[in-house]
C-alpha atoms as a PDB file:
ATOM      1  CA  MET A   1      10.509   7.209  13.864  1.00  0.00           C
ATOM      2  CA  LEU A   2      10.486   8.733  10.379  1.00  0.00           C
ATOM      3  CA  ARG A   3      14.286   8.802  10.535  1.00  0.00           C
ATOM      4  CA  THR A   4      14.294   5.057  11.172  1.00  0.00           C
ATOM      5  CA  ALA A   5      11.740   4.651   8.394  1.00  0.00           C
ATOM      6  CA  ARG A   6      13.979   6.431   5.909  1.00  0.00           C
ATOM      7  CA  LEU A   7      16.885   4.197   6.892  1.00  0.00           C
ATOM      8  CA  PHE A   8      14.948   1.021   6.184  1.00  0.00           C
ATOM      9  CA  ILE A   9      13.548   2.432   2.966  1.00  0.00           C
ATOM     10  CA  THR A  10      17.149   3.098   1.900  1.00  0.00           C
ATOM     11  CA  ILE A  11      17.989  -0.544   2.643  1.00  0.00           C
ATOM     12  CA  CYS A  12      14.998  -1.675   0.591  1.00  0.00           C
ATOM     13  CA  CYS A  13      16.074   0.588  -2.265  1.00  0.00           C
ATOM     14  CA  LEU A  14      19.415  -1.192  -2.450  1.00  0.00           C
ATOM     15  CA  LYS A  15      17.428  -4.326  -3.270  1.00  0.00           C
ATOM     16  CA  ASP A  16      14.648  -2.681  -5.277  1.00  0.00           C
ATOM     17  CA  PRO A  17      15.260   0.794  -6.793  1.00  0.00           C
ATOM     18  CA  HIS A  18      11.505   1.382  -7.194  1.00  0.00           C
ATOM     19  CA  HIS A  19      10.845   1.031  -3.462  1.00  0.00           C
ATOM     20  CA  LYS A  20      11.397   4.615  -2.257  1.00  0.00           C
ATOM     21  CA  ARG A  21       9.084   6.235  -4.793  1.00  0.00           C
ATOM     22  CA  HIS A  22       6.504   3.495  -4.278  1.00  0.00           C
ATOM     23  CA  ALA A  23       6.534   3.992  -0.499  1.00  0.00           C
ATOM     24  CA  GLU A  24       6.180   7.751  -0.840  1.00  0.00           C
ATOM     25  CA  ARG A  25       3.358   7.496  -3.377  1.00  0.00           C
ATOM     26  CA  VAL A  26       1.438   4.968  -1.261  1.00  0.00           C
ATOM     27  CA  GLN A  27       1.835   7.328   1.674  1.00  0.00           C
ATOM     28  CA  ALA A  28       0.527  10.245  -0.400  1.00  0.00           C
ATOM     29  CA  VAL A  29      -2.522   8.343  -1.665  1.00  0.00           C
ATOM     30  CA  ALA A  30      -3.300   6.913   1.776  1.00  0.00           C
ATOM     31  CA  LEU A  31      -3.219  10.359   3.367  1.00  0.00           C
ATOM     32  CA  GLU A  32      -5.537  11.771   0.690  1.00  0.00           C
ATOM     33  CA  ILE A  33      -8.002   8.955   1.410  1.00  0.00           C
ATOM     34  CA  ALA A  34      -7.663   9.667   5.136  1.00  0.00           C
ATOM     35  CA  LYS A  35      -8.531  13.334   4.592  1.00  0.00           C
ATOM     36  CA  VAL A  36     -11.690  12.463   2.667  1.00  0.00           C
ATOM     37  CA  LEU A  37     -12.653   9.958   5.375  1.00  0.00           C
ATOM     38  CA  GLU A  38     -11.965  12.688   7.971  1.00  0.00           C
ATOM     39  CA  LEU A  39      -9.754  10.477  10.097  1.00  0.00           C
ATOM     40  CA  SER A  40      -8.530  11.913  13.379  1.00  0.00           C
ATOM     41  CA  GLU A  41      -5.174  13.672  13.535  1.00  0.00           C
ATOM     42  CA  LYS A  42      -3.797  10.740  15.522  1.00  0.00           C
ATOM     43  CA  ASP A  43      -4.913   8.172  12.926  1.00  0.00           C
ATOM     44  CA  GLN A  44      -3.544  10.286  10.092  1.00  0.00           C
ATOM     45  CA  HIS A  45      -0.203  10.462  11.902  1.00  0.00           C
ATOM     46  CA  LEU A  46      -0.136   6.675  12.367  1.00  0.00           C
ATOM     47  CA  LEU A  47      -1.154   6.163   8.744  1.00  0.00           C
ATOM     48  CA  GLU A  48       1.619   8.485   7.574  1.00  0.00           C
ATOM     49  CA  HIS A  49       4.178   6.167   9.159  1.00  0.00           C
ATOM     50  CA  ALA A  50       2.466   2.867   8.351  1.00  0.00           C
ATOM     51  CA  ALA A  51       2.000   3.694   4.674  1.00  0.00           C
ATOM     52  CA  LEU A  52       5.605   4.786   4.295  1.00  0.00           C
ATOM     53  CA  LEU A  53       6.861   1.649   6.024  1.00  0.00           C
ATOM     54  CA  HIS A  54       4.352  -0.853   4.640  1.00  0.00           C
ATOM     55  CA  ASP A  55       6.943  -2.794   2.628  1.00  0.00           C
ATOM     56  CA  ILE A  56       9.979  -2.616   4.927  1.00  0.00           C
ATOM     57  CA  GLY A  57       9.642  -6.336   5.599  1.00  0.00           C
ATOM     58  CA  LYS A  58      11.061  -6.761   2.106  1.00  0.00           C
ATOM     59  CA  ALA A  59      14.410  -5.642   3.527  1.00  0.00           C
ATOM     60  CA  PHE A  60      14.593  -9.180   4.905  1.00  0.00           C
ATOM     61  CA  VAL A  61      13.752 -10.842   1.561  1.00  0.00           C
ATOM     62  CA  SER A  62      16.420 -11.802  -0.978  1.00  0.00           C
ATOM     63  CA  GLU A  63      17.037  -9.189  -3.680  1.00  0.00           C
ATOM     64  CA  LYS A  64      17.163 -12.034  -6.202  1.00  0.00           C
ATOM     65  CA  ILE A  65      13.492 -12.670  -5.520  1.00  0.00           C
ATOM     66  CA  LEU A  66      12.514  -8.990  -5.306  1.00  0.00           C
ATOM     67  CA  GLY A  67      14.265  -8.166  -8.564  1.00  0.00           C
ATOM     68  CA  LYS A  68      13.188 -11.224 -10.520  1.00  0.00           C
ATOM     69  CA  GLU A  69      11.613 -10.234 -13.838  1.00  0.00           C
ATOM     70  CA  GLY A  70      10.007 -13.553 -14.633  1.00  0.00           C
ATOM     71  CA  GLU A  71       7.163 -15.306 -12.873  1.00  0.00           C
ATOM     72  CA  LEU A  72       7.820 -16.208  -9.247  1.00  0.00           C
ATOM     73  CA  THR A  73       7.802 -19.832  -8.184  1.00  0.00           C
ATOM     74  CA  GLU A  74       5.397 -20.933  -5.463  1.00  0.00           C
ATOM     75  CA  GLN A  75       8.267 -21.042  -2.969  1.00  0.00           C
ATOM     76  CA  GLU A  76       9.467 -17.550  -3.947  1.00  0.00           C
ATOM     77  CA  TRP A  77       5.952 -16.174  -3.656  1.00  0.00           C
ATOM     78  CA  SER A  78       5.588 -17.710  -0.194  1.00  0.00           C
ATOM     79  CA  LEU A  79       8.748 -15.853   0.869  1.00  0.00           C
ATOM     80  CA  ILE A  80       7.455 -12.557  -0.542  1.00  0.00           C
ATOM     81  CA  LYS A  81       4.231 -13.035   1.430  1.00  0.00           C
ATOM     82  CA  LEU A  82       6.236 -13.100   4.659  1.00  0.00           C
ATOM     83  CA  HIS A  83       7.108  -9.400   4.391  1.00  0.00           C
ATOM     84  CA  PRO A  84       4.146  -8.047   6.428  1.00  0.00           C
ATOM     85  CA  SER A  85       4.904 -10.467   9.267  1.00  0.00           C
ATOM     86  CA  LEU A  86       8.619  -9.661   9.164  1.00  0.00           C
ATOM     87  CA  ALA A  87       7.857  -5.940   9.377  1.00  0.00           C
ATOM     88  CA  TYR A  88       5.456  -6.555  12.263  1.00  0.00           C
ATOM     89  CA  GLU A  89       8.032  -8.498  14.263  1.00  0.00           C
ATOM     90  CA  PHE A  90      10.525  -5.680  13.794  1.00  0.00           C
ATOM     91  CA  LEU A  91       8.159  -2.810  14.682  1.00  0.00           C
ATOM     92  CA  LYS A  92       5.767  -4.262  17.269  1.00  0.00           C
ATOM     93  CA  HIS A  93       7.750  -3.317  20.375  1.00  0.00           C
ATOM     94  CA  PHE A  94       8.206   0.396  19.644  1.00  0.00           C
ATOM     95  CA  ALA A  95       5.335   1.177  17.229  1.00  0.00           C
ATOM     96  CA  PRO A  96       2.586  -1.418  17.851  1.00  0.00           C
ATOM     97  CA  GLU A  97      -0.261   0.422  16.087  1.00  0.00           C
ATOM     98  CA  VAL A  98       1.873   1.057  13.027  1.00  0.00           C
ATOM     99  CA  ALA A  99       3.049  -2.556  13.108  1.00  0.00           C
ATOM    100  CA  GLU A 100      -0.556  -3.807  13.234  1.00  0.00           C
ATOM    101  CA  ALA A 101      -1.551  -1.783  10.169  1.00  0.00           C
ATOM    102  CA  ILE A 102       1.463  -3.039   8.229  1.00  0.00           C
ATOM    103  CA  LEU A 103       0.860  -6.653   9.259  1.00  0.00           C
ATOM    104  CA  HIS A 104      -2.600  -6.650   7.687  1.00  0.00           C
ATOM    105  CA  HIS A 105      -2.171  -4.465   4.586  1.00  0.00           C
ATOM    106  CA  HIS A 106      -2.524  -7.514   2.304  1.00  0.00           C
ATOM    107  CA  GLU A 107      -5.715  -8.794   3.890  1.00  0.00           C
ATOM    108  CA  ASN A 108      -8.787  -8.820   1.630  1.00  0.00           C
ATOM    109  CA  TRP A 109     -12.282  -7.706   2.569  1.00  0.00           C
ATOM    110  CA  ASP A 110     -13.655 -11.178   1.758  1.00  0.00           C
ATOM    111  CA  GLY A 111     -11.064 -12.975   3.903  1.00  0.00           C
ATOM    112  CA  SER A 112      -8.930 -14.276   1.023  1.00  0.00           C
ATOM    113  CA  GLY A 113      -5.828 -12.237   1.867  1.00  0.00           C
ATOM    114  CA  TYR A 114      -2.798 -12.848   4.058  1.00  0.00           C
ATOM    115  CA  PRO A 115      -1.215 -13.394   6.550  1.00  0.00           C
ATOM    116  CA  ASP A 116      -4.212 -14.120   8.810  1.00  0.00           C
ATOM    117  CA  GLY A 117      -7.182 -14.275   6.439  1.00  0.00           C
ATOM    118  CA  LEU A 118      -9.001 -11.507   8.310  1.00  0.00           C
ATOM    119  CA  LYS A 119     -12.368 -10.472   6.895  1.00  0.00           C
ATOM    120  CA  GLY A 120     -14.297  -7.202   6.719  1.00  0.00           C
ATOM    121  CA  GLU A 121     -13.955  -4.956   9.736  1.00  0.00           C
ATOM    122  CA  GLU A 122     -11.694  -7.483  11.433  1.00  0.00           C
ATOM    123  CA  ILE A 123      -9.014  -5.825   9.291  1.00  0.00           C
ATOM    124  CA  PRO A 124      -7.670  -2.643  10.942  1.00  0.00           C
ATOM    125  CA  LEU A 125      -8.943   0.505   9.231  1.00  0.00           C
ATOM    126  CA  LEU A 126      -5.468   1.826   8.468  1.00  0.00           C
ATOM    127  CA  ALA A 127      -4.550  -1.478   6.828  1.00  0.00           C
ATOM    128  CA  ARG A 128      -7.668  -1.262   4.644  1.00  0.00           C
ATOM    129  CA  ILE A 129      -6.636   2.201   3.482  1.00  0.00           C
ATOM    130  CA  ILE A 130      -3.074   1.096   2.706  1.00  0.00           C
ATOM    131  CA  ARG A 131      -4.453  -1.895   0.774  1.00  0.00           C
ATOM    132  CA  ILE A 132      -6.234   0.456  -1.606  1.00  0.00           C
ATOM    133  CA  ALA A 133      -3.418   3.014  -1.817  1.00  0.00           C
ATOM    134  CA  ASP A 134      -0.919   0.236  -2.556  1.00  0.00           C
ATOM    135  CA  SER A 135      -3.118  -1.110  -5.361  1.00  0.00           C
ATOM    136  CA  ILE A 136      -3.577   2.362  -6.862  1.00  0.00           C
ATOM    137  CA  ASP A 137       0.153   2.963  -7.060  1.00  0.00           C
ATOM    138  CA  ALA A 138       0.855  -0.550  -8.348  1.00  0.00           C
ATOM    139  CA  GLY A 139      -1.668  -0.053 -11.139  1.00  0.00           C
ATOM    140  CA  CYS A 140      -0.450   3.423 -12.097  1.00  0.00           C
ATOM    141  CA  SER A 141       3.264   2.566 -12.037  1.00  0.00           C
ATOM    142  CA  LYS A 142       5.346   1.245 -14.902  1.00  0.00           C
ATOM    143  CA  ARG A 143       7.463  -1.808 -14.222  1.00  0.00           C
ATOM    144  CA  THR A 144       9.725  -3.983 -16.360  1.00  0.00           C
ATOM    145  CA  TYR A 145       6.907  -6.524 -16.654  1.00  0.00           C
ATOM    146  CA  LYS A 146       3.982  -4.121 -17.256  1.00  0.00           C
ATOM    147  CA  GLU A 147       2.957  -0.692 -18.468  1.00  0.00           C
ATOM    148  CA  ALA A 148       1.389   1.974 -16.273  1.00  0.00           C
ATOM    149  CA  LYS A 149      -2.405   2.162 -16.456  1.00  0.00           C
ATOM    150  CA  PRO A 150      -4.370   5.434 -16.532  1.00  0.00           C
ATOM    151  CA  PHE A 151      -5.706   6.544 -13.170  1.00  0.00           C
ATOM    152  CA  ALA A 152      -9.332   6.195 -14.356  1.00  0.00           C
ATOM    153  CA  VAL A 153      -8.746   2.559 -15.343  1.00  0.00           C
ATOM    154  CA  VAL A 154      -7.120   1.781 -12.009  1.00  0.00           C
ATOM    155  CA  CYS A 155     -10.055   3.398 -10.182  1.00  0.00           C
ATOM    156  CA  GLU A 156     -12.474   1.201 -12.124  1.00  0.00           C
ATOM    157  CA  GLU A 157     -10.486  -1.891 -11.170  1.00  0.00           C
ATOM    158  CA  ILE A 158     -10.532  -0.834  -7.511  1.00  0.00           C
ATOM    159  CA  GLN A 159     -14.288  -0.280  -7.690  1.00  0.00           C
ATOM    160  CA  HIS A 160     -14.790  -3.731  -9.229  1.00  0.00           C
ATOM    161  CA  GLY A 161     -12.816  -5.167  -6.333  1.00  0.00           C
ATOM    162  CA  ALA A 162     -14.991  -3.505  -3.686  1.00  0.00           C
ATOM    163  CA  GLY A 163     -16.470  -6.100  -1.360  1.00  0.00           C
ATOM    164  CA  SER A 164     -13.930  -8.724  -2.387  1.00  0.00           C
ATOM    165  CA  PHE A 165     -10.460  -7.197  -2.130  1.00  0.00           C
ATOM    166  CA  TYR A 166     -11.325  -3.766  -0.766  1.00  0.00           C
ATOM    167  CA  ASP A 167     -13.509  -2.125   1.860  1.00  0.00           C
ATOM    168  CA  PRO A 168     -16.524  -0.891  -0.160  1.00  0.00           C
ATOM    169  CA  GLU A 169     -16.977   2.207   1.997  1.00  0.00           C
ATOM    170  CA  ILE A 170     -13.406   3.335   1.422  1.00  0.00           C
ATOM    171  CA  VAL A 171     -13.679   2.597  -2.298  1.00  0.00           C
ATOM    172  CA  SER A 172     -16.608   5.028  -2.390  1.00  0.00           C
ATOM    173  CA  VAL A 173     -13.998   7.769  -1.849  1.00  0.00           C
ATOM    174  CA  LEU A 174     -13.165   7.311  -5.529  1.00  0.00           C
ATOM    175  CA  GLY A 175     -16.748   7.938  -6.595  1.00  0.00           C
ATOM    176  CA  ASN A 176     -19.873   9.755  -5.466  1.00  0.00           C
ATOM    177  CA  GLY A 177     -18.780  13.049  -6.965  1.00  0.00           C
ATOM    178  CA  LYS A 178     -15.455  13.031  -5.119  1.00  0.00           C
ATOM    179  CA  LYS A 179     -13.458  11.309  -7.828  1.00  0.00           C
ATOM    180  CA  LYS A 180     -12.284  14.503  -9.564  1.00  0.00           C
ATOM    181  CA  SER A 181     -11.141  16.243  -6.394  1.00  0.00           C
ATOM    182  CA  PHE A 182      -9.499  13.034  -5.199  1.00  0.00           C
ATOM    183  CA  GLN A 183      -7.694  12.653  -8.538  1.00  0.00           C
ATOM    184  CA  ASN A 184      -6.502  16.255  -8.428  1.00  0.00           C
ATOM    185  CA  SER A 185      -5.172  15.758  -4.915  1.00  0.00           C
ATOM    186  CA  ILE A 186      -3.328  12.625  -5.967  1.00  0.00           C
ATOM    187  CA  LEU A 187      -1.882  14.361  -9.014  1.00  0.00           C
ATOM    188  CA  HIS A 188      -0.622  17.161  -6.795  1.00  0.00           C
ATOM    189  CA  SER A 189       0.826  14.742  -4.239  1.00  0.00           C
ATOM    190  CA  PHE A 190       2.555  12.584  -6.820  1.00  0.00           C
ATOM    191  CA  SER A 191       3.719  15.485  -9.031  1.00  0.00           C
ATOM    192  CA  ARG A 192       3.737  12.884 -11.815  1.00  0.00           C
ATOM    193  CA  PRO A 193       0.758  13.683 -14.061  1.00  0.00           C
ATOM    194  CA  PHE A 194       2.055  11.457 -16.893  1.00  0.00           C
ATOM    195  CA  LEU A 195       0.852   8.434 -14.908  1.00  0.00           C
ATOM    196  CA  PHE A 196      -2.736   9.651 -15.086  1.00  0.00           C
ATOM    197  CA  ARG A 197      -3.239  10.276 -18.786  1.00  0.00           C
END
């Protein structure tokens, strides 16, 4: 399955050159969270695949939209928001648990996310982890339209979003005395310490 994953990531990279590194970093962060949460070996294996593939639905979205530097129109944004569902439809027959996690990785803890507006523990655990890992990488990464933020600032933003965007129990991984060890693990996984100044 990882071979198939790499193929689709390559396709996504043709449309968005940042995609491969983003997918790999989200995978790295998600797996570090999983270790702290002491997820089972099976769940960590599923998460490894789901995190890497979380954006493959974007392979079916126009590169003009994905690469647009200005603000997206409402119609363009609605097309972007289809990517979890598109990925799910592609994966559901041969990797249903992975597909389910990907489908819901943009759901919010308070029910304000998409595509189904799931709330709290209705959202699959692996999707909740990817939601946080995705936000961490997005915050720490430089893009044409924004600068990278320090890891500590991104962690504060995640903590402020606990109970609204993010599962508050998972967010606690970033605090309660674990923040330093978690940061060190992420630094090692990313091998890009300049993002965490």
